[in-house]
C-alpha atoms as a PDB file:
ATOM      1  CA  MET A   1     -29.156  36.605 -61.057  1.00  0.00           C
ATOM      2  CA  PHE A   2     -26.313  34.460 -62.569  1.00  0.00           C
ATOM      3  CA  PRO A   3     -23.525  32.994 -60.617  1.00  0.00           C
ATOM      4  CA  PRO A   4     -20.551  35.172 -60.014  1.00  0.00           C
ATOM      5  CA  GLY A   5     -17.864  34.892 -62.715  1.00  0.00           C
ATOM      6  CA  SER A   6     -20.434  33.824 -65.345  1.00  0.00           C
ATOM      7  CA  GLU A   7     -19.544  36.662 -67.821  1.00  0.00           C
ATOM      8  CA  GLY A   8     -19.198  35.093 -71.280  1.00  0.00           C
ATOM      9  CA  PHE A   9     -21.086  31.832 -70.567  1.00  0.00           C
ATOM     10  CA  ASP A  10     -22.753  29.963 -73.354  1.00  0.00           C
ATOM     11  CA  MET A  11     -26.548  30.513 -73.228  1.00  0.00           C
ATOM     12  CA  GLY A  12     -27.175  27.582 -75.557  1.00  0.00           C
ATOM     13  CA  GLN A  13     -25.132  25.388 -73.251  1.00  0.00           C
ATOM     14  CA  LEU A  14     -27.124  26.656 -70.258  1.00  0.00           C
ATOM     15  CA  LEU A  15     -30.400  25.804 -72.073  1.00  0.00           C
ATOM     16  CA  GLN A  16     -29.237  22.389 -72.930  1.00  0.00           C
ATOM     17  CA  GLN A  17     -28.257  21.733 -69.330  1.00  0.00           C
ATOM     18  CA  ALA A  18     -31.663  22.963 -68.102  1.00  0.00           C
ATOM     19  CA  GLN A  19     -33.458  20.688 -70.662  1.00  0.00           C
ATOM     20  CA  ARG A  20     -31.413  17.573 -69.501  1.00  0.00           C
ATOM     21  CA  MET A  21     -32.190  18.435 -65.895  1.00  0.00           C
ATOM     22  CA  GLN A  22     -35.919  18.747 -66.793  1.00  0.00           C
ATOM     23  CA  GLU A  23     -35.857  15.361 -68.497  1.00  0.00           C
ATOM     24  CA  GLN A  24     -34.090  13.774 -65.485  1.00  0.00           C
ATOM     25  CA  LEU A  25     -36.712  15.438 -63.104  1.00  0.00           C
ATOM     26  CA  MET A  26     -39.628  14.036 -65.156  1.00  0.00           C
ATOM     27  CA  SER A  27     -38.039  10.608 -65.235  1.00  0.00           C
ATOM     28  CA  ALA A  28     -37.467  10.710 -61.505  1.00  0.00           C
ATOM     29  CA  GLN A  29     -41.078  11.823 -60.965  1.00  0.00           C
ATOM     30  CA  GLN A  30     -42.418   8.957 -62.962  1.00  0.00           C
ATOM     31  CA  ASP A  31     -40.193   6.445 -61.210  1.00  0.00           C
ATOM     32  CA  LEU A  32     -41.272   7.624 -57.809  1.00  0.00           C
ATOM     33  CA  THR A  33     -45.070   7.507 -58.788  1.00  0.00           C
ATOM     34  CA  GLU A  34     -44.561   3.843 -59.714  1.00  0.00           C
ATOM     35  CA  ALA A  35     -42.388   3.062 -56.712  1.00  0.00           C
ATOM     36  CA  GLU A  36     -43.829   1.111 -53.792  1.00  0.00           C
ATOM     37  CA  ALA A  37     -42.850   1.227 -50.080  1.00  0.00           C
ATOM     38  CA  THR A  38     -44.028  -0.983 -47.168  1.00  0.00           C
ATOM     39  CA  GLY A  39     -44.330   0.389 -43.723  1.00  0.00           C
ATOM     40  CA  SER A  40     -45.002  -1.598 -40.606  1.00  0.00           C
ATOM     41  CA  ALA A  41     -46.302  -1.016 -37.088  1.00  0.00           C
ATOM     42  CA  GLY A  42     -46.572  -3.142 -33.891  1.00  0.00           C
ATOM     43  CA  GLY A  43     -43.263  -4.888 -34.545  1.00  0.00           C
ATOM     44  CA  GLY A  44     -44.456  -5.957 -38.029  1.00  0.00           C
ATOM     45  CA  LEU A  45     -47.825  -7.187 -37.034  1.00  0.00           C
ATOM     46  CA  VAL A  46     -49.436  -4.610 -39.466  1.00  0.00           C
ATOM     47  CA  ARG A  47     -47.839  -3.924 -42.757  1.00  0.00           C
ATOM     48  CA  ALA A  48     -49.048  -1.360 -45.316  1.00  0.00           C
ATOM     49  CA  THR A  49     -47.790  -0.874 -48.916  1.00  0.00           C
ATOM     50  CA  VAL A  50     -48.381   2.394 -50.733  1.00  0.00           C
ATOM     51  CA  THR A  51     -47.305   3.711 -54.109  1.00  0.00           C
ATOM     52  CA  GLY A  52     -45.445   6.992 -54.639  1.00  0.00           C
ATOM     53  CA  ALA A  53     -48.752   8.416 -55.770  1.00  0.00           C
ATOM     54  CA  GLY A  54     -50.169   7.686 -52.350  1.00  0.00           C
ATOM     55  CA  GLU A  55     -52.396   4.693 -53.198  1.00  0.00           C
ATOM     56  CA  LEU A  56     -52.660   2.140 -50.606  1.00  0.00           C
ATOM     57  CA  THR A  57     -52.090  -1.161 -52.472  1.00  0.00           C
ATOM     58  CA  ASP A  58     -51.719  -3.795 -49.687  1.00  0.00           C
ATOM     59  CA  LEU A  59     -52.463  -4.240 -46.100  1.00  0.00           C
ATOM     60  CA  GLN A  60     -51.496  -7.232 -44.065  1.00  0.00           C
ATOM     61  CA  LEU A  61     -52.743  -7.965 -40.561  1.00  0.00           C
ATOM     62  CA  ASP A  62     -51.341 -10.571 -38.213  1.00  0.00           C
ATOM     63  CA  PRO A  63     -54.433 -12.385 -36.857  1.00  0.00           C
ATOM     64  CA  SER A  64     -53.126 -11.658 -33.229  1.00  0.00           C
ATOM     65  CA  VAL A  65     -53.993  -7.876 -33.575  1.00  0.00           C
ATOM     66  CA  VAL A  66     -57.525  -8.476 -34.717  1.00  0.00           C
ATOM     67  CA  ASP A  67     -59.355  -8.211 -31.378  1.00  0.00           C
ATOM     68  CA  PRO A  68     -63.127  -7.271 -31.626  1.00  0.00           C
ATOM     69  CA  GLU A  69     -62.853  -5.761 -28.162  1.00  0.00           C
ATOM     70  CA  ASP A  70     -60.079  -3.473 -29.170  1.00  0.00           C
ATOM     71  CA  VAL A  71     -60.602  -2.038 -32.614  1.00  0.00           C
ATOM     72  CA  GLU A  72     -59.045   1.281 -31.735  1.00  0.00           C
ATOM     73  CA  THR A  73     -55.667  -0.252 -31.279  1.00  0.00           C
ATOM     74  CA  LEU A  74     -55.975  -1.991 -34.591  1.00  0.00           C
ATOM     75  CA  ALA A  75     -56.912   1.324 -36.310  1.00  0.00           C
ATOM     76  CA  ASP A  76     -53.957   2.972 -34.642  1.00  0.00           C
ATOM     77  CA  LEU A  77     -51.634   0.455 -35.902  1.00  0.00           C
ATOM     78  CA  ILE A  78     -52.991   0.624 -39.495  1.00  0.00           C
ATOM     79  CA  ILE A  79     -52.546   4.386 -39.456  1.00  0.00           C
ATOM     80  CA  ALA A  80     -48.982   4.142 -38.129  1.00  0.00           C
ATOM     81  CA  ALA A  81     -48.105   1.547 -40.816  1.00  0.00           C
ATOM     82  CA  VAL A  82     -49.497   3.687 -43.557  1.00  0.00           C
ATOM     83  CA  ARG A  83     -47.582   6.665 -42.281  1.00  0.00           C
ATOM     84  CA  ASP A  84     -44.408   4.603 -42.023  1.00  0.00           C
ATOM     85  CA  ALA A  85     -44.747   3.621 -45.754  1.00  0.00           C
ATOM     86  CA  HIS A  86     -45.344   7.232 -46.709  1.00  0.00           C
ATOM     87  CA  ALA A  87     -42.233   8.185 -44.849  1.00  0.00           C
ATOM     88  CA  GLU A  88     -40.336   5.576 -46.798  1.00  0.00           C
ATOM     89  CA  ILE A  89     -41.718   7.073 -50.092  1.00  0.00           C
ATOM     90  CA  GLN A  90     -40.595  10.486 -48.964  1.00  0.00           C
ATOM     91  CA  ARG A  91     -37.108   9.096 -48.173  1.00  0.00           C
ATOM     92  CA  LYS A  92     -36.929   7.620 -51.639  1.00  0.00           C
ATOM     93  CA  ALA A  93     -38.010  10.861 -53.188  1.00  0.00           C
ATOM     94  CA  GLN A  94     -35.315  12.827 -51.343  1.00  0.00           C
ATOM     95  CA  GLU A  95     -32.663  10.250 -52.361  1.00  0.00           C
ATOM     96  CA  GLN A  96     -33.604  10.242 -55.993  1.00  0.00           C
ATOM     97  CA  LEU A  97     -34.231  14.073 -56.310  1.00  0.00           C
ATOM     98  CA  GLY A  98     -31.235  15.027 -54.222  1.00  0.00           C
ATOM     99  CA  ALA A  99     -28.735  14.935 -57.171  1.00  0.00           C
ATOM    100  CA  ILE A 100     -31.125  16.780 -59.483  1.00  0.00           C
ATOM    101  CA  ASN A 101     -31.793  19.305 -56.757  1.00  0.00           C
ATOM    102  CA  ALA A 102     -28.159  20.053 -56.438  1.00  0.00           C
ATOM    103  CA  ASP A 103     -27.761  20.509 -60.216  1.00  0.00           C
ATOM    104  CA  VAL A 104     -30.692  22.957 -60.367  1.00  0.00           C
ATOM    105  CA  ALA A 105     -29.381  24.858 -57.398  1.00  0.00           C
ATOM    106  CA  GLY A 106     -25.998  25.087 -59.070  1.00  0.00           C
ATOM    107  CA  LEU A 107     -27.569  26.101 -62.346  1.00  0.00           C
ATOM    108  CA  LEU A 108     -29.416  28.913 -60.569  1.00  0.00           C
ATOM    109  CA  GLY A 109     -26.321  29.984 -58.606  1.00  0.00           C
ATOM    110  CA  GLY A 110     -27.863  29.049 -55.250  1.00  0.00           C
ATOM    111  CA  GLY A 111     -26.893  26.312 -52.856  1.00  0.00           C
ATOM    112  CA  GLY A 112     -27.974  24.833 -49.444  1.00  0.00           C
ATOM    113  CA  ALA A 113     -31.357  23.742 -48.231  1.00  0.00           C
ATOM    114  CA  GLU A 114     -32.693  27.319 -48.136  1.00  0.00           C
ATOM    115  CA  ALA A 115     -32.216  27.464 -51.927  1.00  0.00           C
ATOM    116  CA  ASN A 116     -34.154  24.159 -52.573  1.00  0.00           C
ATOM    117  CA  PRO A 117     -36.009  24.660 -55.910  1.00  0.00           C
ATOM    118  CA  LEU A 118     -37.631  21.237 -55.483  1.00  0.00           C
ATOM    119  CA  ALA A 119     -38.769  21.556 -51.938  1.00  0.00           C
ATOM    120  CA  GLY A 120     -42.395  20.529 -51.561  1.00  0.00           C
ATOM    121  CA  LEU A 121     -42.414  18.624 -54.828  1.00  0.00           C
ATOM    122  CA  PHE A 122     -44.026  15.603 -53.209  1.00  0.00           C
ATOM    123  CA  GLY A 123     -45.496  17.447 -50.194  1.00  0.00           C
ATOM    124  CA  GLY A 124     -43.580  19.252 -47.530  1.00  0.00           C
ATOM    125  CA  ALA A 125     -39.818  19.705 -47.701  1.00  0.00           C
ATOM    126  CA  ALA A 126     -38.428  16.939 -49.862  1.00  0.00           C
ATOM    127  CA  GLY A 127     -37.939  13.866 -47.649  1.00  0.00           C
ATOM    128  CA  GLY A 128     -38.966  15.816 -44.553  1.00  0.00           C
ATOM    129  CA  PRO A 129     -41.752  15.096 -42.068  1.00  0.00           C
ATOM    130  CA  GLY A 130     -45.178  16.496 -42.410  1.00  0.00           C
ATOM    131  CA  GLY A 131     -45.522  16.125 -46.188  1.00  0.00           C
ATOM    132  CA  ALA A 132     -49.012  16.741 -47.631  1.00  0.00           C
ATOM    133  CA  ILE A 133     -49.280  13.138 -48.667  1.00  0.00           C
ATOM    134  CA  GLN A 134     -48.764  11.751 -45.160  1.00  0.00           C
ATOM    135  CA  GLY A 135     -51.859  10.219 -43.596  1.00  0.00           C
ATOM    136  CA  SER A 136     -54.044  11.120 -46.627  1.00  0.00           C
ATOM    137  CA  VAL A 137     -55.000   7.370 -47.412  1.00  0.00           C
ATOM    138  CA  VAL A 138     -56.672   6.402 -44.046  1.00  0.00           C
ATOM    139  CA  ASP A 139     -60.165   7.596 -43.389  1.00  0.00           C
ATOM    140  CA  ASP A 140     -60.273   8.296 -39.610  1.00  0.00           C
ATOM    141  CA  ASP A 141     -63.477  10.128 -39.736  1.00  0.00           C
ATOM    142  CA  ASP A 142     -67.027   8.659 -39.027  1.00  0.00           C
ATOM    143  CA  ASP A 143     -68.541   9.924 -42.326  1.00  0.00           C
ATOM    144  CA  GLU A 144     -69.047   7.555 -45.267  1.00  0.00           C
ATOM    145  CA  ARG A 145     -66.975   9.489 -47.795  1.00  0.00           C
ATOM    146  CA  PRO A 146     -63.479   8.093 -48.842  1.00  0.00           C
ATOM    147  CA  GLY A 147     -60.575  10.322 -47.647  1.00  0.00           C
ATOM    148  CA  GLY A 148     -62.271  11.329 -44.408  1.00  0.00           C
ATOM    149  CA  SER A 149     -62.892  14.896 -45.354  1.00  0.00           C
ATOM    150  CA  ALA A 150     -65.792  16.575 -43.592  1.00  0.00           C
ATOM    151  CA  PRO A 151     -68.442  18.336 -45.698  1.00  0.00           C
ATOM    152  CA  SER A 152     -67.722  22.095 -45.927  1.00  0.00           C
ATOM    153  CA  GLY A 153     -68.635  24.040 -42.828  1.00  0.00           C
ATOM    154  CA  GLN A 154     -67.952  21.070 -40.398  1.00  0.00           C
ATOM    155  CA  GLY A 155     -64.782  20.772 -38.587  1.00  0.00           C
ATOM    156  CA  THR A 156     -62.595  17.572 -38.567  1.00  0.00           C
END
Protein backbone atom coordinates (compact mmCIF):
# COMPACT_ATOMS: atom_id res chain seq x y z
CA MET A 1 0.00 0.00 0.00
CA PHE A 2 2.87 2.37 0.73
CA PRO A 3 5.77 3.03 -1.62
CA PRO A 4 8.69 0.61 -1.37
CA GLY A 5 11.29 1.73 1.13
CA SER A 6 8.80 3.76 3.14
CA GLU A 7 9.59 2.08 6.43
CA GLY A 8 10.01 4.67 9.15
CA PHE A 9 8.26 7.47 7.31
CA ASP A 10 6.61 10.27 9.27
CA MET A 11 2.81 9.87 9.24
CA GLY A 12 2.36 13.49 10.36
CA GLN A 13 4.42 14.70 7.42
CA LEU A 14 2.41 12.50 5.08
CA LEU A 15 -0.85 13.96 6.39
CA GLN A 16 0.47 17.52 6.04
CA GLN A 17 1.50 16.81 2.46
CA ALA A 18 -1.93 15.35 1.71
CA GLN A 19 -3.62 18.42 3.22
CA ARG A 20 -1.46 20.77 1.12
CA MET A 21 -2.35 18.83 -2.01
CA GLN A 22 -6.05 18.95 -1.10
CA GLU A 23 -5.84 22.73 -0.72
CA GLN A 24 -4.04 23.00 -4.08
CA LEU A 25 -6.71 20.86 -5.71
CA MET A 26 -9.56 22.92 -4.28
CA SER A 27 -7.87 26.12 -5.43
CA ALA A 28 -7.28 24.69 -8.92
CA GLN A 29 -10.92 23.55 -9.16
CA GLN A 30 -12.13 27.05 -8.22
CA ASP A 31 -9.78 28.66 -10.75
CA LEU A 32 -10.96 26.31 -13.48
CA THR A 33 -14.64 26.91 -12.66
CA GLU A 34 -14.09 30.65 -13.09
CA ALA A 35 -11.89 30.30 -16.19
CA GLU A 36 -13.25 31.11 -19.64
CA ALA A 37 -12.26 29.72 -23.00
CA THR A 38 -13.31 30.73 -26.50
CA GLY A 39 -13.70 28.23 -29.29
CA SER A 40 -14.28 28.92 -32.94
CA ALA A 41 -15.55 27.27 -36.09
CA GLY A 42 -15.77 28.15 -39.75
CA GLY A 43 -12.40 29.88 -39.71
CA GLY A 44 -13.47 32.14 -36.85
CA LEU A 45 -16.87 33.06 -38.30
CA VAL A 46 -18.55 31.59 -35.20
CA ARG A 47 -17.01 32.08 -31.76
CA ALA A 48 -18.35 30.68 -28.48
CA THR A 49 -17.11 31.43 -24.98
CA VAL A 50 -17.75 29.03 -22.11
CA THR A 51 -16.77 28.92 -18.46
CA GLY A 52 -15.07 26.02 -16.75
CA ALA A 53 -18.47 25.23 -15.25
CA GLY A 54 -19.84 24.69 -18.76
CA GLU A 55 -21.89 27.89 -19.03
CA LEU A 56 -22.08 29.48 -22.47
CA THR A 57 -21.37 33.17 -21.80
CA ASP A 58 -20.91 34.62 -25.28
CA LEU A 59 -21.70 33.72 -28.86
CA GLN A 60 -20.47 35.78 -31.80
CA LEU A 61 -21.71 35.17 -35.33
CA ASP A 62 -20.27 36.75 -38.42
CA PRO A 63 -23.23 38.08 -40.44
CA SER A 64 -22.02 36.13 -43.48
CA VAL A 65 -22.96 32.80 -41.80
CA VAL A 66 -26.53 33.87 -41.06
CA ASP A 67 -28.38 32.49 -44.07
CA PRO A 68 -32.11 31.88 -43.55
CA GLU A 69 -31.96 29.26 -46.30
CA ASP A 70 -29.25 27.27 -44.51
CA VAL A 71 -29.83 27.28 -40.76
CA GLU A 72 -28.44 23.74 -40.45
CA THR A 73 -24.93 24.90 -41.32
CA LEU A 74 -25.16 27.72 -38.79
CA ALA A 75 -26.32 25.26 -36.11
CA ASP A 76 -23.41 22.94 -36.96
CA LEU A 77 -20.94 25.83 -36.71
CA ILE A 78 -22.32 26.87 -33.31
CA ILE A 79 -22.05 23.32 -31.99
CA ALA A 80 -18.49 23.03 -33.30
CA ALA A 81 -17.48 26.35 -31.70
CA VAL A 82 -18.95 25.34 -28.33
CA ARG A 83 -17.18 21.97 -28.48
CA ASP A 84 -13.93 23.73 -29.36
CA ALA A 85 -14.32 25.99 -26.31
CA HIS A 86 -15.02 22.97 -24.09
CA ALA A 87 -11.90 21.25 -25.44
CA GLU A 88 -9.89 24.35 -24.48
CA ILE A 89 -11.31 24.21 -20.94
CA GLN A 90 -10.34 20.51 -20.78
CA ARG A 91 -6.81 21.39 -21.93
CA LYS A 92 -6.57 24.07 -19.22
CA ALA A 93 -7.79 21.58 -16.62
CA GLN A 94 -5.18 19.03 -17.66
CA GLU A 95 -2.45 21.64 -17.57
CA GLN A 96 -3.43 23.03 -14.18
CA LEU A 97 -4.15 19.70 -12.53
CA GLY A 98 -1.20 17.82 -14.03
CA ALA A 99 1.29 18.80 -11.32
CA ILE A 100 -1.18 18.07 -8.53
CA ASN A 101 -1.99 14.72 -10.13
CA ALA A 102 1.70 13.81 -10.20
CA ASP A 103 2.00 14.71 -6.51
CA VAL A 104 -1.02 12.58 -5.61
CA ALA A 105 0.28 9.64 -7.63
CA GLY A 106 3.66 9.96 -5.93
CA LEU A 107 2.04 10.17 -2.51
CA LEU A 108 0.05 7.02 -3.24
CA GLY A 109 3.09 5.23 -4.59
CA GLY A 110 1.70 5.02 -8.12
CA GLY A 111 2.59 6.65 -11.35
CA GLY A 112 1.69 6.93 -14.96
CA ALA A 113 -1.66 7.53 -16.63
CA GLU A 114 -3.11 4.24 -15.41
CA ALA A 115 -2.73 5.44 -11.80
CA ASN A 116 -4.40 8.80 -12.45
CA PRO A 117 -6.38 9.58 -9.28
CA LEU A 118 -7.84 12.74 -10.81
CA ALA A 119 -9.01 11.19 -14.09
CA GLY A 120 -12.57 12.15 -14.78
CA LEU A 121 -12.58 15.11 -12.40
CA PHE A 122 -14.00 17.38 -15.09
CA GLY A 123 -15.59 14.68 -17.24
CA GLY A 124 -13.68 11.97 -19.04
CA ALA A 125 -9.96 11.50 -18.69
CA ALA A 126 -8.48 14.79 -17.59
CA GLY A 127 -7.93 16.77 -20.74
CA GLY A 128 -9.02 13.94 -22.99
CA PRO A 129 -11.72 13.89 -25.59
CA GLY A 130 -15.22 12.78 -24.81
CA GLY A 131 -15.53 14.47 -21.43
CA ALA A 132 -19.03 14.54 -19.99
CA ILE A 133 -19.15 18.31 -20.24
CA GLN A 134 -18.63 18.31 -24.01
CA GLY A 135 -21.67 19.29 -26.01
CA SER A 136 -23.85 19.71 -22.94
CA VAL A 137 -24.63 23.39 -23.54
CA VAL A 138 -26.21 23.21 -26.99
CA ASP A 139 -29.83 22.06 -27.29
CA ASP A 140 -29.93 20.08 -30.52
CA ASP A 141 -33.32 18.43 -29.91
CA ASP A 142 -36.65 19.76 -31.06
CA ASP A 143 -38.20 19.75 -27.60
CA GLU A 144 -38.71 23.01 -25.74
CA ARG A 145 -36.73 22.14 -22.63
CA PRO A 146 -33.19 23.53 -22.08
CA GLY A 147 -30.34 21.05 -22.35
CA GLY A 148 -32.02 18.98 -25.05
CA SER A 149 -32.80 15.95 -22.92
CA ALA A 150 -35.81 13.98 -23.99
CA PRO A 151 -38.53 13.07 -21.51
CA SER A 152 -37.98 9.66 -19.95
CA GLY A 153 -39.04 6.81 -22.18
CA GLN A 154 -38.12 8.68 -25.38
CA GLY A 155 -34.88 8.16 -27.25
CA THR A 156 -32.68 11.03 -28.40
